[in-house]
Protein backbone atom coordinates (compact mmCIF):
# COMPACT_ATOMS: atom_id res chain seq x y z
CA MET A 1 45.73 -9.99 34.10
CA THR A 2 46.12 -13.72 32.96
CA ALA A 3 46.32 -16.30 35.54
CA SER A 4 49.81 -17.22 34.67
CA ILE A 5 51.39 -13.42 35.04
CA LEU A 6 49.47 -12.90 38.53
CA ALA A 7 50.60 -16.15 40.18
CA LEU A 8 53.95 -14.98 39.36
CA SER A 9 53.39 -11.54 40.31
CA LEU A 10 51.93 -12.38 43.63
CA ALA A 11 55.21 -14.58 44.12
CA ALA A 12 56.87 -11.13 44.15
CA CYS A 13 54.62 -8.99 45.43
CA GLY A 14 55.00 -6.92 49.18
CA SER A 15 53.88 -3.97 50.81
CA ASP A 16 57.04 -2.08 51.90
CA ASP A 17 60.46 -3.10 50.70
CA VAL A 18 62.45 -3.49 54.00
CA GLY A 19 65.86 -1.95 54.15
CA SER A 20 66.76 -1.77 50.25
CA GLY A 21 64.95 1.35 49.56
CA LEU A 22 64.02 -0.27 46.14
CA SER A 23 60.41 0.17 44.99
CA GLY A 24 57.92 0.29 41.90
CA SER A 25 56.98 -2.53 38.96
CA LEU A 26 59.50 -4.40 37.02
CA PRO A 27 57.30 -6.32 34.40
CA GLY A 28 58.94 -9.08 32.07
CA ALA A 29 57.80 -11.90 29.71
CA GLY A 30 59.32 -14.65 27.61
CA ALA A 31 60.25 -17.96 27.52
CA SER A 32 57.92 -20.52 28.69
CA SER A 33 60.93 -22.61 29.68
CA GLN A 34 61.73 -20.51 32.20
CA GLU A 35 58.73 -20.46 34.40
CA VAL A 36 59.12 -22.90 36.64
CA ALA A 37 62.77 -21.02 37.41
CA MET A 38 61.39 -17.65 37.43
CA THR A 39 58.56 -18.29 40.08
CA ALA A 40 61.60 -19.41 42.49
CA TRP A 41 63.56 -16.70 41.46
CA LEU A 42 60.85 -14.25 41.85
CA ALA A 43 60.34 -15.19 45.32
CA GLY A 44 63.86 -14.71 46.38
CA MET A 45 63.64 -11.66 44.74
CA ASN A 46 60.64 -10.59 46.83
CA ASP A 47 62.33 -11.85 50.33
CA ALA A 48 65.11 -9.67 49.62
CA HIS A 49 63.12 -6.61 48.15
CA PRO A 50 59.54 -6.69 48.90
CA GLY A 51 58.44 -3.16 47.64
CA VAL A 52 59.54 -4.13 44.12
CA LEU A 53 56.56 -5.83 41.97
CA VAL A 54 57.94 -8.12 39.67
CA SER A 55 56.06 -10.35 36.91
CA TYR A 56 56.89 -12.58 34.45
CA ASP A 57 54.39 -13.64 31.61
CA PRO A 58 55.65 -16.94 29.97
CA VAL A 59 54.45 -16.06 26.55
CA GLY A 60 57.06 -17.69 25.00
CA SER A 61 60.40 -16.72 23.42
CA GLY A 62 59.43 -14.75 20.25
CA THR A 63 56.77 -12.90 21.95
CA GLY A 64 58.98 -11.55 24.94
CA ARG A 65 61.74 -10.20 22.52
CA GLU A 66 59.13 -8.54 20.77
CA MET A 67 57.28 -7.34 23.95
CA PHE A 68 61.12 -6.28 25.25
CA LEU A 69 61.81 -4.32 21.90
CA ASN A 70 58.46 -2.65 22.05
CA SER A 71 59.19 -1.25 25.45
CA ALA A 72 56.15 -3.14 26.83
CA ILE A 73 58.37 -4.69 29.30
CA LEU A 74 61.67 -4.17 30.88
CA PHE A 75 63.23 -7.40 30.83
CA ALA A 76 62.50 -10.64 28.85
CA GLY A 77 63.31 -14.47 28.91
CA SER A 78 64.51 -16.09 25.51
CA ASP A 79 65.44 -19.56 24.32
CA ALA A 80 67.61 -17.85 21.67
CA ALA A 81 69.80 -15.03 21.36
CA MET A 82 68.70 -11.88 19.57
CA SER A 83 69.20 -11.56 15.65
CA GLU A 84 71.19 -8.97 14.14
CA GLU A 85 68.08 -6.81 13.28
CA GLU A 86 66.49 -7.14 16.76
CA LEU A 87 69.92 -5.91 18.37
CA GLU A 88 69.84 -3.03 15.96
CA LYS A 89 66.26 -2.36 17.29
CA GLY A 90 67.38 -2.61 20.45
CA ARG A 91 69.50 0.23 20.44
CA ASP A 92 66.69 2.68 20.40
CA ARG A 93 64.46 0.50 22.86
CA CYS A 94 67.66 1.13 25.25
CA PHE A 95 68.04 4.53 25.01
CA GLY A 96 71.29 4.50 22.90
CA GLY A 97 72.37 1.83 24.93
CA GLU A 98 72.98 -1.99 24.27
CA VAL A 99 70.88 -5.33 24.29
CA VAL A 100 72.45 -7.02 27.19
CA GLU A 101 71.83 -10.90 27.27
CA LEU A 102 72.99 -13.08 29.89
CA PRO A 103 72.80 -17.13 29.80
CA LEU A 104 71.20 -17.30 33.54
CA TYR A 105 69.11 -20.77 32.82
CA ILE A 106 71.11 -24.05 31.64
CA SER A 107 68.40 -26.83 31.12
CA PRO A 108 68.51 -29.96 29.00
CA ILE A 109 65.71 -30.30 26.47
CA ALA A 110 63.70 -33.52 27.12
CA VAL A 111 62.83 -35.73 24.50
CA ALA A 112 59.76 -37.48 25.91
CA TYR A 113 57.56 -39.90 24.65
CA ASN A 114 54.16 -41.54 25.90
CA LEU A 115 54.30 -45.16 25.97
CA PRO A 116 52.92 -46.78 29.19
CA GLY A 117 53.99 -49.72 30.58
CA LEU A 118 57.14 -50.04 28.24
CA GLY A 119 59.36 -51.18 31.60
CA ALA A 120 62.42 -49.05 30.47
CA GLU A 121 64.29 -46.11 32.17
CA HIS A 122 65.06 -44.69 28.70
CA LEU A 123 64.93 -45.23 25.15
CA ASN A 124 68.13 -44.89 23.45
CA LEU A 125 67.79 -42.94 20.30
CA THR A 126 70.86 -41.88 18.12
CA PRO A 127 70.70 -38.02 16.43
CA GLU A 128 69.78 -39.86 13.01
CA THR A 129 67.10 -41.87 14.31
CA LEU A 130 65.48 -38.75 16.34
CA ALA A 131 65.66 -36.80 12.96
CA GLY A 132 63.69 -39.56 11.24
CA ILE A 133 61.27 -39.74 13.61
CA PHE A 134 60.32 -36.07 13.97
CA ASN A 135 60.77 -35.81 10.19
CA GLY A 136 57.99 -38.54 9.45
CA ASP A 137 60.55 -41.15 8.10
CA ILE A 138 60.10 -43.42 11.28
CA THR A 139 56.56 -44.26 11.84
CA THR A 140 56.03 -46.95 14.23
CA TRP A 141 58.00 -47.81 17.71
CA ASP A 142 58.99 -51.24 16.47
CA ASP A 143 60.99 -49.71 13.49
CA PRO A 144 64.44 -51.49 13.10
CA ALA A 145 66.43 -48.35 13.87
CA ILE A 146 64.66 -48.04 17.14
CA VAL A 147 65.04 -52.08 17.95
CA GLU A 148 68.57 -51.57 17.07
CA THR A 149 69.63 -49.42 20.12
CA ASN A 150 67.19 -50.89 22.15
CA PRO A 151 67.46 -54.86 22.10
CA ASP A 152 66.17 -55.43 25.60
CA VAL A 153 62.98 -53.62 25.20
CA GLU A 154 59.79 -54.92 23.52
CA LEU A 155 58.67 -52.18 21.40
CA PRO A 156 55.09 -52.06 20.49
CA GLY A 157 54.11 -51.29 16.84
CA THR A 158 52.32 -48.28 17.82
CA GLU A 159 52.33 -45.38 15.47
CA ILE A 160 54.70 -42.54 16.16
CA VAL A 161 52.94 -39.20 16.62
CA PRO A 162 55.78 -36.31 16.72
CA VAL A 163 54.33 -33.48 18.41
CA ASN A 164 55.94 -30.08 18.35
CA ARG A 165 55.40 -26.42 19.47
CA SER A 166 52.46 -24.53 17.63
CA ASP A 167 54.08 -21.23 18.60
CA ASP A 168 57.40 -19.32 17.75
CA SER A 169 59.48 -20.96 20.22
CA GLY A 170 63.07 -20.84 21.35
CA THR A 171 62.85 -24.51 22.51
CA THR A 172 62.17 -25.03 18.88
CA GLU A 173 64.91 -23.28 17.78
CA ASN A 174 67.20 -25.36 20.13
CA PHE A 175 66.17 -29.05 19.51
CA THR A 176 66.15 -28.07 15.57
CA GLU A 177 69.77 -26.60 15.70
CA TYR A 178 70.55 -30.28 17.34
CA LEU A 179 69.04 -31.99 14.65
CA ALA A 180 70.77 -30.13 11.78
CA GLU A 181 74.13 -30.47 13.76
CA ALA A 182 73.99 -34.03 14.93
CA ALA A 183 71.98 -35.99 12.38
CA GLY A 184 73.23 -34.27 9.31
CA GLU A 185 71.52 -35.11 6.09
CA ALA A 186 68.66 -37.29 7.99
CA TRP A 187 67.45 -33.80 9.14
CA PRO A 188 67.01 -31.83 5.97
CA HIS A 189 65.58 -28.45 7.06
CA GLU A 190 67.28 -25.13 8.53
CA PRO A 191 67.03 -24.30 12.44
CA GLY A 192 64.57 -21.93 13.45
CA GLU A 193 61.88 -20.79 16.11
CA THR A 194 59.15 -21.95 13.79
CA TRP A 195 58.73 -25.71 13.21
CA PRO A 196 59.44 -26.34 9.55
CA ILE A 197 56.83 -29.49 9.26
CA SER A 198 53.41 -28.49 8.36
CA GLY A 199 50.06 -30.94 9.17
CA THR A 200 51.61 -32.19 12.43
CA GLN A 201 50.30 -32.54 16.30
CA SER A 202 51.36 -29.77 18.33
CA GLY A 203 50.71 -27.38 21.39
CA THR A 204 51.19 -23.98 22.41
CA GLN A 205 54.18 -23.34 24.92
CA THR A 206 55.46 -26.19 26.74
CA SER A 207 52.58 -26.90 28.78
CA GLY A 208 50.75 -27.12 25.22
CA VAL A 209 53.27 -30.15 24.40
CA VAL A 210 52.60 -31.58 27.29
CA THR A 211 49.14 -32.10 27.21
CA THR A 212 48.97 -33.21 23.60
CA MET A 213 51.59 -35.83 24.09
CA GLN A 214 49.64 -36.95 27.67
CA ALA A 215 46.33 -37.12 25.59
CA ALA A 216 47.24 -40.20 23.18
CA GLU A 217 49.92 -42.84 23.34
CA GLY A 218 52.80 -43.10 20.90
CA THR A 219 53.40 -39.44 20.94
CA ILE A 220 56.90 -38.16 21.33
CA GLY A 221 57.88 -34.43 21.85
CA TYR A 222 60.67 -31.81 22.97
CA VAL A 223 60.01 -29.77 26.10
CA ASP A 224 61.83 -28.27 28.91
CA ALA A 225 63.19 -31.45 31.24
CA ALA A 226 62.02 -29.30 33.97
CA GLN A 227 58.38 -29.93 32.87
CA VAL A 228 58.40 -33.19 32.03
CA PRO A 229 55.17 -35.21 34.08
CA ASP A 230 55.59 -38.54 35.67
CA ASP A 231 53.52 -40.22 33.11
CA LEU A 232 56.18 -39.62 30.21
CA GLY A 233 59.48 -41.59 29.35
CA THR A 234 62.52 -39.88 28.38
CA VAL A 235 65.11 -40.44 25.64
CA ALA A 236 69.05 -41.26 26.08
CA VAL A 237 70.44 -39.87 23.21
CA GLY A 238 73.75 -41.16 21.15
CA VAL A 239 77.05 -39.12 22.01
CA GLY A 240 80.01 -40.84 20.32
CA GLU A 241 80.03 -44.50 21.51
CA GLU A 242 77.27 -44.08 24.63
CA PHE A 243 73.88 -42.78 25.34
CA VAL A 244 73.17 -40.09 27.88
CA PRO A 245 70.00 -39.50 29.32
CA PHE A 246 69.43 -35.84 30.47
CA SER A 247 70.64 -34.47 33.91
CA PRO A 248 72.01 -31.05 34.89
CA GLU A 249 75.29 -32.57 35.18
CA ALA A 250 75.53 -33.55 31.76
CA ALA A 251 73.88 -29.96 30.55
CA ALA A 252 76.91 -28.39 32.12
CA ALA A 253 79.12 -30.51 30.97
CA VAL A 254 78.28 -29.96 27.09
CA VAL A 255 78.40 -25.98 28.05
CA ASP A 256 81.94 -26.65 29.21
CA VAL A 257 82.86 -27.96 25.94
CA SER A 258 81.47 -25.20 23.84
CA PRO A 259 82.82 -21.49 22.78
CA PRO A 260 81.59 -18.09 23.03
CA ALA A 261 79.18 -17.40 20.32
CA GLU A 262 81.22 -15.00 16.97
CA ASP A 263 79.43 -12.21 17.92
CA ALA A 264 79.57 -12.46 21.85
CA THR A 265 80.67 -9.28 23.72
CA ASP A 266 81.03 -8.19 27.39
CA LEU A 267 77.38 -7.76 27.37
CA ARG A 268 75.90 -10.26 25.49
CA LEU A 269 77.75 -13.59 26.89
CA THR A 270 76.24 -15.79 24.05
CA ILE A 271 77.54 -19.44 23.72
CA ASP A 272 77.85 -21.74 20.25
CA LEU A 273 76.60 -25.15 21.68
CA ALA A 274 78.54 -28.09 20.35
CA ARG A 275 75.81 -29.64 19.38
CA ASP A 276 77.49 -32.63 17.68
CA THR A 277 79.83 -32.90 20.41
CA SER A 278 81.08 -36.53 21.00
CA GLU A 279 82.47 -35.91 24.51
CA SER A 280 81.70 -38.58 27.05
CA GLY A 281 79.05 -37.59 29.62
CA THR A 282 77.66 -34.59 27.55
CA TYR A 283 74.07 -34.01 26.93
CA PRO A 284 73.90 -31.96 23.61
CA ILE A 285 70.47 -30.94 23.79
CA VAL A 286 70.58 -28.59 25.85
CA LEU A 287 68.28 -25.01 26.41
CA ILE A 288 70.59 -21.73 27.25
CA SER A 289 67.83 -19.30 27.83
CA TYR A 290 68.64 -15.98 28.37
CA THR A 291 67.81 -13.10 30.65
CA ILE A 292 67.69 -9.81 27.98
CA ALA A 293 67.85 -6.52 29.39
CA CYS A 294 69.19 -2.95 28.43
CA SER A 295 72.27 -1.75 29.20
CA ARG A 296 70.48 2.26 29.64
CA TYR A 297 67.29 2.63 31.17
CA GLU A 298 65.20 5.67 31.08
CA SER A 299 65.08 5.89 35.29
CA GLU A 300 67.48 5.08 37.96
CA GLN A 301 64.50 3.22 39.51
CA ASP A 302 64.38 0.86 36.58
CA ALA A 303 68.11 0.65 36.47
CA GLU A 304 68.22 -0.36 39.93
CA ASN A 305 65.40 -2.81 39.79
CA VAL A 306 66.87 -4.86 36.44
CA ARG A 307 70.11 -5.09 38.31
CA ALA A 308 68.66 -6.11 41.70
CA LEU A 309 66.92 -9.11 39.85
CA LEU A 310 69.73 -10.07 37.34
CA SER A 311 72.12 -10.21 40.76
CA TYR A 312 69.79 -12.48 42.47
CA ILE A 313 69.40 -14.97 39.64
CA ALA A 314 72.93 -15.02 38.86
CA SER A 315 74.04 -15.49 42.65
CA GLU A 316 75.02 -18.68 44.16
CA GLU A 317 71.76 -18.47 46.00
CA GLY A 318 69.70 -17.89 43.09
CA GLN A 319 71.35 -20.60 40.88
CA THR A 320 71.31 -23.29 43.70
CA ARG A 321 67.60 -22.86 44.34
CA THR A 322 66.44 -23.57 40.49
CA ALA A 323 69.21 -26.57 40.29
CA ASP A 324 67.09 -28.33 42.97
CA PRO A 325 65.28 -31.35 41.18
CA SER A 326 62.09 -30.56 42.94
CA VAL A 327 62.29 -27.07 41.19
CA ALA A 328 64.07 -26.99 38.06
CA GLY A 329 66.83 -29.09 37.98
CA SER A 330 68.62 -26.48 35.98
CA ALA A 331 72.34 -26.53 35.71
CA PRO A 332 74.16 -23.66 37.74
CA ILE A 333 76.23 -21.62 35.83
CA SER A 334 80.13 -21.69 36.58
CA GLU A 335 82.22 -19.10 38.81
CA ASP A 336 83.98 -18.02 35.47
CA LEU A 337 80.21 -17.14 34.10
CA ARG A 338 79.38 -15.52 37.09
CA SER A 339 81.98 -13.19 37.48
CA ARG A 340 81.23 -12.51 33.56
CA VAL A 341 77.67 -11.78 34.35
CA THR A 342 78.29 -9.37 37.27
CA ALA A 343 80.79 -7.42 35.33
CA ALA A 344 77.71 -6.91 32.78
CA ILE A 345 75.22 -6.14 35.02
CA ASP A 346 77.56 -3.67 36.78
CA GLN A 347 77.30 -1.83 33.56
CA ILE A 348 73.42 -1.26 33.54
CA THR A 349 72.71 2.59 34.22
CA VAL A 350 70.56 5.20 33.76
CA ALA A 351 70.57 7.16 29.90
């Protein structure tokens, strides 16, 4: 058992389930972006159902979905919705049922940088400038494109070192979707979970990117906002005529102006994020991390345990718990979304 699994397992471990009658094990894995939030949710699940041993291994979105489809785990976290091919495989994995995808973790993706002593609360960068930086076209921090939007900041001539995820990552997919939609021709790559440029500085999972950035001045990378350390600065991104720093409120605002995905159903509540919005007060580099489950499980115990966990995560208590800035600083789901999530959870049953 790895240290990360152990830490999260122990958070939801108890000897007897007092009052609820639930018991057994409930293994999960997936998006590392959810790690902080999941630790808090598992602690809350333990309070309500101490007889259920819940674990979550933050191995990354792609690996988590693979483990779920291979029946190695009962639920997964993913920063990207499942592909059509994965959904087909999910029907077999779910005993003839459907894959359930619930948007229960909504968080801004911070663009962070390591420039000690800069003296600015945030650097203002347009989508086109961000695309130029991560594509390797803008190579020093005193480039005119950066100076133009930060006239009151004394920018150094330090080399810019972009840092990306080395593993397949839903965070990468969300960030490259933003660049592709908001930056236009400045980002000549297709969105995807795999970083499209070779020979770059990189790190495995969110923690690896942060460690790589902290090791050298001039670095810039994209990480879940909840995991940005105090020694790194963050970018306010250009939206319309203003520059917007990340916040739970700004993340929630962009979700509110985004429509359901074209193939969304009453079990798959996927969202087509408005990455190129010009709506005031929105922060468009948002990660919606889905909790993935089955609508059918092999045993009643598994179905009951999954329903209990998802119900707690979706509850007002669960969402408020992770919205705390000292926990994860996520954006709580709306009451309308909660009602649709609850209706989906209610459909989880035994095969």
